[in-house]
C-alpha atoms as a PDB file:
ATOM      1  CA  MET A   1      35.472   6.070  20.058  1.00  0.00           C
ATOM      2  CA  VAL A   2      37.878   3.881  18.124  1.00  0.00           C
ATOM      3  CA  ILE A   3      36.175   1.239  15.993  1.00  0.00           C
ATOM      4  CA  LYS A   4      38.415  -1.792  16.134  1.00  0.00           C
ATOM      5  CA  ASP A   5      35.989  -4.327  14.757  1.00  0.00           C
ATOM      6  CA  ALA A   6      32.887  -4.138  12.566  1.00  0.00           C
ATOM      7  CA  LYS A   7      31.298  -7.294  11.254  1.00  0.00           C
ATOM      8  CA  PHE A   8      28.102  -8.187   9.447  1.00  0.00           C
ATOM      9  CA  ILE A   9      25.807 -10.424  11.504  1.00  0.00           C
ATOM     10  CA  THR A  10      22.504 -10.929   9.707  1.00  0.00           C
ATOM     11  CA  SER A  11      19.883  -9.585   7.286  1.00  0.00           C
ATOM     12  CA  ASN A  12      16.142 -10.166   7.508  1.00  0.00           C
ATOM     13  CA  THR A  13      12.719  -8.559   7.208  1.00  0.00           C
ATOM     14  CA  ARG A  14      11.370  -9.370  10.675  1.00  0.00           C
ATOM     15  CA  ALA A  15      12.251  -7.862  14.040  1.00  0.00           C
ATOM     16  CA  ASP A  16      11.715 -11.210  15.776  1.00  0.00           C
ATOM     17  CA  LEU A  17      14.519 -12.676  13.649  1.00  0.00           C
ATOM     18  CA  CYS A  18      16.971  -9.914  14.551  1.00  0.00           C
ATOM     19  CA  PRO A  19      19.798 -10.815  16.971  1.00  0.00           C
ATOM     20  CA  GLN A  20      18.448 -11.661  20.412  1.00  0.00           C
ATOM     21  CA  THR A  21      20.590  -9.341  22.495  1.00  0.00           C
ATOM     22  CA  ASP A  22      20.463  -6.621  25.119  1.00  0.00           C
ATOM     23  CA  LEU A  23      23.286  -4.680  23.498  1.00  0.00           C
ATOM     24  CA  PRO A  24      22.241  -1.155  22.421  1.00  0.00           C
ATOM     25  CA  GLU A  25      21.627  -0.635  18.729  1.00  0.00           C
ATOM     26  CA  TYR A  26      21.542   2.416  16.505  1.00  0.00           C
ATOM     27  CA  ALA A  27      19.482   2.418  13.325  1.00  0.00           C
ATOM     28  CA  PHE A  28      20.336   4.488  10.242  1.00  0.00           C
ATOM     29  CA  ILE A  29      17.545   5.400   7.851  1.00  0.00           C
ATOM     30  CA  GLY A  30      16.665   8.065   5.288  1.00  0.00           C
ATOM     31  CA  ARG A  31      15.263   8.726   1.863  1.00  0.00           C
ATOM     32  CA  SER A  32      16.733   6.597  -0.896  1.00  0.00           C
ATOM     33  CA  ASN A  33      19.984   7.988  -2.285  1.00  0.00           C
ATOM     34  CA  VAL A  34      20.668  10.107   0.821  1.00  0.00           C
ATOM     35  CA  GLY A  35      24.145   8.590   1.181  1.00  0.00           C
ATOM     36  CA  LYS A  36      23.370   6.174   4.015  1.00  0.00           C
ATOM     37  CA  SER A  37      25.696   3.357   2.990  1.00  0.00           C
ATOM     38  CA  SER A  38      28.568   5.776   2.367  1.00  0.00           C
ATOM     39  CA  LEU A  39      28.030   7.305   5.810  1.00  0.00           C
ATOM     40  CA  ILE A  40      28.051   3.894   7.493  1.00  0.00           C
ATOM     41  CA  ASN A  41      31.264   2.957   5.704  1.00  0.00           C
ATOM     42  CA  MET A  42      32.826   6.280   6.698  1.00  0.00           C
ATOM     43  CA  LEU A  43      31.865   5.874  10.350  1.00  0.00           C
ATOM     44  CA  THR A  44      33.282   2.361  10.565  1.00  0.00           C
ATOM     45  CA  ASN A  45      36.335   3.039   8.363  1.00  0.00           C
ATOM     46  CA  ARG A  46      35.300   0.076   6.201  1.00  0.00           C
ATOM     47  CA  LEU A  47      35.060   0.724   2.477  1.00  0.00           C
ATOM     48  CA  LYS A  48      32.507  -1.990   1.760  1.00  0.00           C
ATOM     49  CA  LEU A  49      30.765  -2.761   5.052  1.00  0.00           C
ATOM     50  CA  ALA A  50      27.477  -1.433   3.689  1.00  0.00           C
ATOM     51  CA  LYS A  51      26.785  -1.855  -0.021  1.00  0.00           C
ATOM     52  CA  THR A  52      26.709   1.399  -1.964  1.00  0.00           C
ATOM     53  CA  SER A  53      25.019   1.903  -5.304  1.00  0.00           C
ATOM     54  CA  SER A  54      23.962   4.651  -7.694  1.00  0.00           C
ATOM     55  CA  PHE A  55      20.695   2.732  -7.983  1.00  0.00           C
ATOM     56  CA  PRO A  56      18.222   3.937  -5.290  1.00  0.00           C
ATOM     57  CA  GLY A  57      16.674   1.375  -2.978  1.00  0.00           C
ATOM     58  CA  LYS A  58      19.705  -0.906  -2.754  1.00  0.00           C
ATOM     59  CA  THR A  59      19.020  -1.764   0.885  1.00  0.00           C
ATOM     60  CA  GLN A  60      15.906  -3.939   1.123  1.00  0.00           C
ATOM     61  CA  LEU A  61      16.494  -5.694   4.443  1.00  0.00           C
ATOM     62  CA  ILE A  62      17.227  -4.952   8.099  1.00  0.00           C
ATOM     63  CA  ASN A  63      21.007  -5.360   8.274  1.00  0.00           C
ATOM     64  CA  HIS A  64      22.773  -5.812  11.606  1.00  0.00           C
ATOM     65  CA  PHE A  65      26.483  -5.089  12.102  1.00  0.00           C
ATOM     66  CA  LEU A  66      28.212  -5.749  15.423  1.00  0.00           C
ATOM     67  CA  ILE A  67      30.641  -2.981  16.368  1.00  0.00           C
ATOM     68  CA  ASN A  68      33.481  -3.586  18.849  1.00  0.00           C
ATOM     69  CA  ASP A  69      31.429  -6.486  20.240  1.00  0.00           C
ATOM     70  CA  ASN A  70      29.400  -4.059  22.371  1.00  0.00           C
ATOM     71  CA  TRP A  71      26.820  -2.320  20.145  1.00  0.00           C
ATOM     72  CA  TYR A  72      24.918  -2.851  16.916  1.00  0.00           C
ATOM     73  CA  LEU A  73      24.723  -0.611  13.876  1.00  0.00           C
ATOM     74  CA  VAL A  74      21.516  -1.267  11.932  1.00  0.00           C
ATOM     75  CA  ASP A  75      21.191  -0.359   8.262  1.00  0.00           C
ATOM     76  CA  LEU A  76      17.492   0.059   7.440  1.00  0.00           C
ATOM     77  CA  PRO A  77      15.879   0.257   3.979  1.00  0.00           C
ATOM     78  CA  GLY A  78      15.410   3.766   2.621  1.00  0.00           C
ATOM     79  CA  TYR A  79      12.061   5.399   2.010  1.00  0.00           C
ATOM     80  CA  GLY A  80      10.598   7.905  -0.432  1.00  0.00           C
ATOM     81  CA  TRP A  81      11.672   6.198  -3.669  1.00  0.00           C
ATOM     82  CA  ALA A  82       8.950   7.071  -6.195  1.00  0.00           C
ATOM     83  CA  LYS A  83       9.494   4.040  -8.445  1.00  0.00           C
ATOM     84  CA  VAL A  84       8.630   1.545  -5.718  1.00  0.00           C
ATOM     85  CA  SER A  85       5.112   0.106  -5.958  1.00  0.00           C
ATOM     86  CA  LYS A  86       2.405   0.927  -3.441  1.00  0.00           C
ATOM     87  CA  GLU A  87       2.559  -2.665  -2.209  1.00  0.00           C
ATOM     88  CA  SER A  88       6.316  -2.416  -1.658  1.00  0.00           C
ATOM     89  CA  ARG A  89       5.945   0.849   0.251  1.00  0.00           C
ATOM     90  CA  GLU A  90       3.317  -0.693   2.499  1.00  0.00           C
ATOM     91  CA  ALA A  91       5.495  -3.765   3.093  1.00  0.00           C
ATOM     92  CA  TRP A  92       8.380  -1.437   4.024  1.00  0.00           C
ATOM     93  CA  ARG A  93       6.153   0.502   6.419  1.00  0.00           C
ATOM     94  CA  LYS A  94       4.977  -2.652   8.186  1.00  0.00           C
ATOM     95  CA  MET A  95       8.535  -3.999   8.435  1.00  0.00           C
ATOM     96  CA  ILE A  96       9.920  -0.781   9.920  1.00  0.00           C
ATOM     97  CA  LEU A  97       6.998  -0.300  12.328  1.00  0.00           C
ATOM     98  CA  PHE A  98       7.308  -3.883  13.557  1.00  0.00           C
ATOM     99  CA  TYR A  99      11.055  -3.457  13.990  1.00  0.00           C
ATOM    100  CA  MET A 100      10.768  -0.243  16.009  1.00  0.00           C
ATOM    101  CA  LYS A 101       7.961  -1.550  18.197  1.00  0.00           C
ATOM    102  CA  ASN A 102       9.784  -4.769  19.020  1.00  0.00           C
ATOM    103  CA  ARG A 103      13.385  -3.689  19.678  1.00  0.00           C
ATOM    104  CA  PRO A 104      13.600  -2.601  23.340  1.00  0.00           C
ATOM    105  CA  ASN A 105      17.363  -2.174  22.921  1.00  0.00           C
ATOM    106  CA  LEU A 106      16.940   0.394  20.121  1.00  0.00           C
ATOM    107  CA  ALA A 107      18.854   3.315  21.624  1.00  0.00           C
ATOM    108  CA  CYS A 108      18.467   5.842  18.806  1.00  0.00           C
ATOM    109  CA  VAL A 109      17.433   6.236  15.178  1.00  0.00           C
ATOM    110  CA  PHE A 110      19.635   8.420  12.990  1.00  0.00           C
ATOM    111  CA  VAL A 111      17.415  10.016  10.345  1.00  0.00           C
ATOM    112  CA  LEU A 112      19.565  11.068   7.377  1.00  0.00           C
ATOM    113  CA  ILE A 113      18.621  14.223   5.507  1.00  0.00           C
ATOM    114  CA  ASP A 114      20.180  15.476   2.255  1.00  0.00           C
ATOM    115  CA  SER A 115      21.572  18.869   3.287  1.00  0.00           C
ATOM    116  CA  ARG A 116      21.117  20.211  -0.258  1.00  0.00           C
ATOM    117  CA  LEU A 117      17.327  19.926  -0.215  1.00  0.00           C
ATOM    118  CA  SER A 118      14.508  21.924   1.294  1.00  0.00           C
ATOM    119  CA  PRO A 119      12.249  20.073   3.771  1.00  0.00           C
ATOM    120  CA  GLN A 120      10.863  16.951   2.121  1.00  0.00           C
ATOM    121  CA  LYS A 121       7.418  15.531   2.855  1.00  0.00           C
ATOM    122  CA  ALA A 122       8.724  11.965   3.248  1.00  0.00           C
ATOM    123  CA  ASP A 123      11.279  13.059   5.861  1.00  0.00           C
ATOM    124  CA  LEU A 124       8.780  15.138   7.835  1.00  0.00           C
ATOM    125  CA  GLU A 125       6.213  12.329   7.811  1.00  0.00           C
ATOM    126  CA  PHE A 126       8.773   9.795   9.018  1.00  0.00           C
ATOM    127  CA  MET A 127       9.889  12.080  11.872  1.00  0.00           C
ATOM    128  CA  GLU A 128       6.229  12.492  12.837  1.00  0.00           C
ATOM    129  CA  LEU A 129       5.891   8.717  12.923  1.00  0.00           C
ATOM    130  CA  LEU A 130       8.916   8.399  15.214  1.00  0.00           C
ATOM    131  CA  GLY A 131       7.540  11.092  17.495  1.00  0.00           C
ATOM    132  CA  THR A 132       4.153   9.383  17.700  1.00  0.00           C
ATOM    133  CA  MET A 133       5.863   6.105  18.627  1.00  0.00           C
ATOM    134  CA  GLY A 134       8.154   7.780  21.149  1.00  0.00           C
ATOM    135  CA  VAL A 135      11.293   6.566  19.396  1.00  0.00           C
ATOM    136  CA  PRO A 136      14.364   8.739  20.117  1.00  0.00           C
ATOM    137  CA  PHE A 137      16.010  10.100  16.988  1.00  0.00           C
ATOM    138  CA  VAL A 138      18.745  12.453  15.807  1.00  0.00           C
ATOM    139  CA  LEU A 139      18.988  14.132  12.413  1.00  0.00           C
ATOM    140  CA  ILE A 140      22.138  13.841  10.309  1.00  0.00           C
ATOM    141  CA  PHE A 141      22.392  16.266   7.390  1.00  0.00           C
ATOM    142  CA  THR A 142      24.481  14.487   4.749  1.00  0.00           C
ATOM    143  CA  LYS A 143      26.533  15.502   1.701  1.00  0.00           C
ATOM    144  CA  THR A 144      27.711  18.808   3.160  1.00  0.00           C
ATOM    145  CA  ASP A 145      30.745  18.730   0.857  1.00  0.00           C
ATOM    146  CA  LYS A 146      28.443  19.164  -2.157  1.00  0.00           C
ATOM    147  CA  GLN A 147      27.690  22.817  -1.392  1.00  0.00           C
ATOM    148  CA  SER A 148      28.900  25.794   0.651  1.00  0.00           C
ATOM    149  CA  GLY A 149      28.651  25.817   4.417  1.00  0.00           C
ATOM    150  CA  THR A 150      26.391  28.852   4.177  1.00  0.00           C
ATOM    151  CA  LYS A 151      23.920  27.013   1.954  1.00  0.00           C
ATOM    152  CA  THR A 152      23.954  23.993   4.283  1.00  0.00           C
ATOM    153  CA  ASP A 153      23.248  26.166   7.313  1.00  0.00           C
ATOM    154  CA  MET A 154      20.422  27.935   5.465  1.00  0.00           C
ATOM    155  CA  ASN A 155      18.762  24.634   4.594  1.00  0.00           C
ATOM    156  CA  ILE A 156      19.139  23.338   8.155  1.00  0.00           C
ATOM    157  CA  ALA A 157      17.633  26.554   9.522  1.00  0.00           C
ATOM    158  CA  LEU A 158      14.691  26.096   7.159  1.00  0.00           C
ATOM    159  CA  TYR A 159      14.227  22.528   8.383  1.00  0.00           C
ATOM    160  CA  MET A 160      14.244  23.650  12.012  1.00  0.00           C
ATOM    161  CA  LYS A 161      11.763  26.422  11.250  1.00  0.00           C
ATOM    162  CA  THR A 162       9.467  23.918   9.534  1.00  0.00           C
ATOM    163  CA  LEU A 163       9.692  21.498  12.463  1.00  0.00           C
ATOM    164  CA  GLN A 164       8.874  24.265  14.924  1.00  0.00           C
ATOM    165  CA  GLU A 165       5.418  24.425  13.396  1.00  0.00           C
ATOM    166  CA  THR A 166       4.499  21.028  14.852  1.00  0.00           C
ATOM    167  CA  TRP A 167       7.199  20.076  17.379  1.00  0.00           C
ATOM    168  CA  GLU A 168       7.446  21.488  20.904  1.00  0.00           C
ATOM    169  CA  GLU A 169      11.086  20.422  21.189  1.00  0.00           C
ATOM    170  CA  LEU A 170      13.403  20.302  18.193  1.00  0.00           C
ATOM    171  CA  PRO A 171      15.524  17.187  17.613  1.00  0.00           C
ATOM    172  CA  MET A 172      19.281  17.232  17.907  1.00  0.00           C
ATOM    173  CA  TYR A 173      21.104  17.400  14.583  1.00  0.00           C
ATOM    174  CA  MET A 174      24.592  16.895  13.160  1.00  0.00           C
ATOM    175  CA  LYS A 175      26.240  17.600   9.809  1.00  0.00           C
ATOM    176  CA  SER A 176      28.219  15.007   7.873  1.00  0.00           C
ATOM    177  CA  SER A 177      30.132  14.227   4.705  1.00  0.00           C
ATOM    178  CA  SER A 178      31.343  10.759   3.772  1.00  0.00           C
ATOM    179  CA  SER A 179      34.025  12.393   1.587  1.00  0.00           C
ATOM    180  CA  THR A 180      35.560  14.787   4.121  1.00  0.00           C
ATOM    181  CA  LYS A 181      34.550  12.723   7.188  1.00  0.00           C
ATOM    182  CA  GLU A 182      32.835  15.737   8.699  1.00  0.00           C
ATOM    183  CA  GLY A 183      30.689  14.653  11.613  1.00  0.00           C
ATOM    184  CA  ARG A 184      32.399  11.309  12.155  1.00  0.00           C
ATOM    185  CA  GLU A 185      33.840  12.090  15.584  1.00  0.00           C
ATOM    186  CA  GLU A 186      30.662  13.850  16.711  1.00  0.00           C
ATOM    187  CA  ILE A 187      28.410  10.943  15.736  1.00  0.00           C
ATOM    188  CA  LEU A 188      30.682   8.327  17.314  1.00  0.00           C
ATOM    189  CA  GLN A 189      31.017  10.404  20.487  1.00  0.00           C
ATOM    190  CA  PHE A 190      27.239  10.641  20.713  1.00  0.00           C
ATOM    191  CA  ILE A 191      26.978   6.847  20.403  1.00  0.00           C
ATOM    192  CA  SER A 192      29.706   6.396  23.020  1.00  0.00           C
ATOM    193  CA  ASP A 193      27.877   8.690  25.464  1.00  0.00           C
ATOM    194  CA  VAL A 194      24.551   6.910  24.955  1.00  0.00           C
ATOM    195  CA  ASN A 195      26.254   3.523  25.369  1.00  0.00           C
ATOM    196  CA  GLN A 196      27.655   4.644  28.700  1.00  0.00           C
ATOM    197  CA  ARG A 197      24.260   5.814  29.956  1.00  0.00           C
ATOM    198  CA  TYR A 198      22.700   2.588  28.675  1.00  0.00           C
ATOM    199  CA  GLN A 199      25.184   0.504  30.672  1.00  0.00           C
ATOM    200  CA  GLU A 200      24.714   2.607  33.789  1.00  0.00           C
ATOM    201  CA  GLU A 201      20.929   2.200  33.617  1.00  0.00           C
ATOM    202  CA  ARG A 202      21.312  -1.581  33.303  1.00  0.00           C
ATOM    203  CA  LYS A 203      23.474  -1.685  36.436  1.00  0.00           C
ATOM    204  CA  ALA A 204      21.097   0.508  38.448  1.00  0.00           C
END
């Protein structure tokens, strides 16, 4: 897939205020400071499409970007930031749950995982939530350039082993680096393939 156009459309906290469209959309979410904004910018080849910051929790809203006029990229607020109040965490939970329950065109959620870390409770709990809701998701292990390939593979294997304890079928996963652009073609090809199936199902 060649991304010719990527433009910001809207930000809000309510799914019913998101763009009214039947175009497929792909949501990106992960623990705060997982490198989500950098990944989005890398995928779209736009340096400042999504705002990056060394300060965790920069994204506070549901941000919609229209890509090539035929699908939406959705930047969701991160989770697992310890310094956020209990009230803020609950507000985030309600916002995300409402969004996922009320977006029939949500084709896939990309759950970003820091490849340098062992399985994190916040990540595992969020995956469990997606599974309970029946929301399709794919894991993206980020920041692979920060360590050796062997270490990355070991951490991924540990994640898969942990998931096997509660999941009958393991989710698909990809590896990525916003610095080296590892994973860019694979992620975009996945989106392209899902878009094609989405269009075929609409015509059927």
